[in-house]
Protein backbone atom coordinates (compact mmCIF):
# COMPACT_ATOMS: atom_id res chain seq x y z
CA MET A 1 -41.59 113.54 178.20
CA LYS A 2 -44.54 111.28 177.92
CA ARG A 3 -46.12 109.17 181.01
CA LEU A 4 -47.08 105.34 179.78
CA LEU A 5 -49.06 103.20 181.48
CA VAL A 6 -47.86 99.95 180.74
CA PHE A 7 -49.68 96.52 181.60
CA GLY A 8 -49.60 92.64 181.20
CA GLU A 9 -47.31 90.54 183.30
CA LYS A 10 -46.59 93.06 185.11
CA THR A 11 -48.30 97.04 185.70
CA PHE A 12 -45.85 100.21 185.98
CA LYS A 13 -45.43 103.42 184.65
CA ILE A 14 -42.69 104.73 183.00
CA SER A 15 -41.51 108.01 181.11
CA VAL A 16 -40.91 108.46 177.70
CA PRO A 17 -38.83 111.19 175.83
CA ASP A 18 -41.16 113.15 173.49
CA ASP A 19 -39.00 112.18 170.67
CA ALA A 20 -38.75 108.67 171.36
CA LYS A 21 -40.22 105.85 168.98
CA ILE A 22 -42.75 103.60 170.60
CA THR A 23 -43.39 100.00 169.06
CA PHE A 24 -45.53 97.11 169.90
CA GLY A 25 -45.70 94.10 168.24
CA PRO A 26 -44.92 90.01 169.20
CA TRP A 27 -41.39 89.39 170.37
CA SER A 28 -40.05 88.06 167.04
CA PRO A 29 -41.36 87.84 163.43
CA PRO A 30 -42.92 84.56 162.45
CA ASN A 31 -40.66 82.24 160.72
CA LYS A 32 -40.76 80.99 157.24
CA LYS A 33 -44.43 79.39 157.08
CA GLY A 34 -45.55 82.40 158.96
CA HIS A 35 -45.94 80.77 162.21
CA TRP A 36 -44.36 82.25 165.49
CA ASP A 37 -43.01 79.75 167.68
CA GLU A 38 -44.57 79.60 171.44
CA GLY A 39 -43.44 82.51 173.64
CA SER A 40 -42.88 85.18 170.82
CA ARG A 41 -46.56 85.67 170.33
CA GLN A 42 -46.61 87.55 173.55
CA GLY A 43 -46.48 91.41 173.03
CA THR A 44 -43.13 93.08 173.27
CA LEU A 45 -43.13 96.85 173.65
CA ARG A 46 -40.37 98.60 172.65
CA ILE A 47 -38.61 102.16 172.98
CA TYR A 48 -36.30 103.37 170.47
CA GLN A 49 -34.45 107.41 170.49
CA GLY A 50 -33.74 108.78 166.83
CA SER A 51 -33.59 105.64 164.92
CA LYS A 52 -34.10 101.83 165.68
CA ASP A 53 -30.34 101.50 166.05
CA ASN A 54 -30.33 103.20 168.92
CA ILE A 55 -33.19 100.96 171.60
CA LEU A 56 -33.76 102.37 174.89
CA ALA A 57 -36.13 100.08 176.27
CA CYS A 58 -37.80 96.95 175.63
CA PHE A 59 -40.55 95.10 177.52
CA ALA A 60 -41.72 91.84 177.14
CA ASN A 61 -44.98 89.81 178.06
CA VAL A 62 -46.65 93.23 177.34
CA SER A 63 -50.50 92.87 176.86
CA GLY A 64 -51.01 96.75 176.11
CA PHE A 65 -49.99 100.35 176.96
CA ARG A 66 -51.29 103.95 176.82
CA ASP A 67 -50.51 107.29 177.16
CA LEU A 68 -51.56 108.66 180.59
CA THR A 69 -52.54 111.96 179.23
CA MET A 70 -55.46 110.98 177.53
CA ALA A 71 -58.48 111.09 178.53
CA TYR A 72 -59.94 107.60 179.85
CA MET A 73 -63.05 106.37 181.76
CA GLU A 74 -64.06 102.69 181.95
CA GLU A 75 -67.99 101.20 183.25
CA VAL A 76 -67.46 99.67 186.16
CA ALA A 77 -69.93 97.46 187.48
CA LYS A 78 -70.14 96.96 191.61
CA GLU A 79 -72.28 94.84 193.69
CA GLU A 80 -72.66 95.16 197.35
CA GLY A 81 -74.29 91.88 199.24
CA ALA A 82 -74.78 89.07 201.30
CA THR A 83 -75.94 85.45 201.54
CA ILE A 84 -77.91 84.06 203.95
CA TRP A 85 -78.45 80.65 204.72
CA LYS A 86 -81.14 79.70 207.11
CA ASP A 87 -81.80 75.66 208.37
CA ASP A 88 -85.42 74.86 209.08
CA GLU A 89 -86.75 71.13 209.44
CA LYS A 90 -86.92 71.73 205.46
CA GLY A 91 -83.71 71.80 205.01
CA TYR A 92 -81.41 74.60 203.76
CA MET A 93 -82.79 77.84 202.39
CA ARG A 94 -80.72 80.59 200.96
CA GLU A 95 -81.08 84.14 200.61
CA ASP A 96 -79.75 86.72 198.48
CA LYS A 97 -79.76 90.59 198.94
CA VAL A 98 -77.58 92.03 196.33
CA THR A 99 -77.28 95.63 194.87
CA ARG A 100 -76.41 96.11 191.91
CA LYS A 101 -74.96 99.33 189.84
CA LYS A 102 -72.80 100.48 187.26
CA GLU A 103 -70.42 103.78 187.42
CA TRP A 104 -67.70 105.21 185.39
CA VAL A 105 -64.56 104.83 186.61
CA ALA A 106 -61.17 107.38 185.88
CA ASP A 107 -58.59 105.00 186.90
CA PRO A 108 -60.17 101.70 187.48
CA LEU A 109 -56.54 99.87 187.89
CA LEU A 110 -56.27 102.65 190.99
CA THR A 111 -59.82 100.96 192.19
CA ASP A 112 -58.65 97.62 192.16
CA LYS A 113 -55.72 98.42 194.18
CA ARG A 114 -57.48 100.23 197.24
CA LYS A 115 -60.21 96.42 197.30
CA ASN A 116 -56.81 94.39 197.71
CA LYS A 117 -55.53 97.14 200.59
CA LYS A 118 -59.04 96.09 202.53
């Protein structure tokens, strides 16, 4: 079984049989003039068993996907610090104390979720 990470309107993981055929493209083909109807341009991930006559799944509003067995890292910038506002007879003064660093993260989606749980 392959494990796919699918992202778009929702982010989810799915197990797919090794011999399944996977396609990705617009919801429907363009019209005779070569234009898509509104909404048809959104990505669609389709999974077939054997031939296109035997569709197992179809997911709309997908912007991309990847096989989780592939090594993947992303460079992420992190900023930590504070902005301090001081008030005196001359008016307001702003002081920023920020440190910036970049690092390579193996799974940036997990990093984002940890931040949201705090």
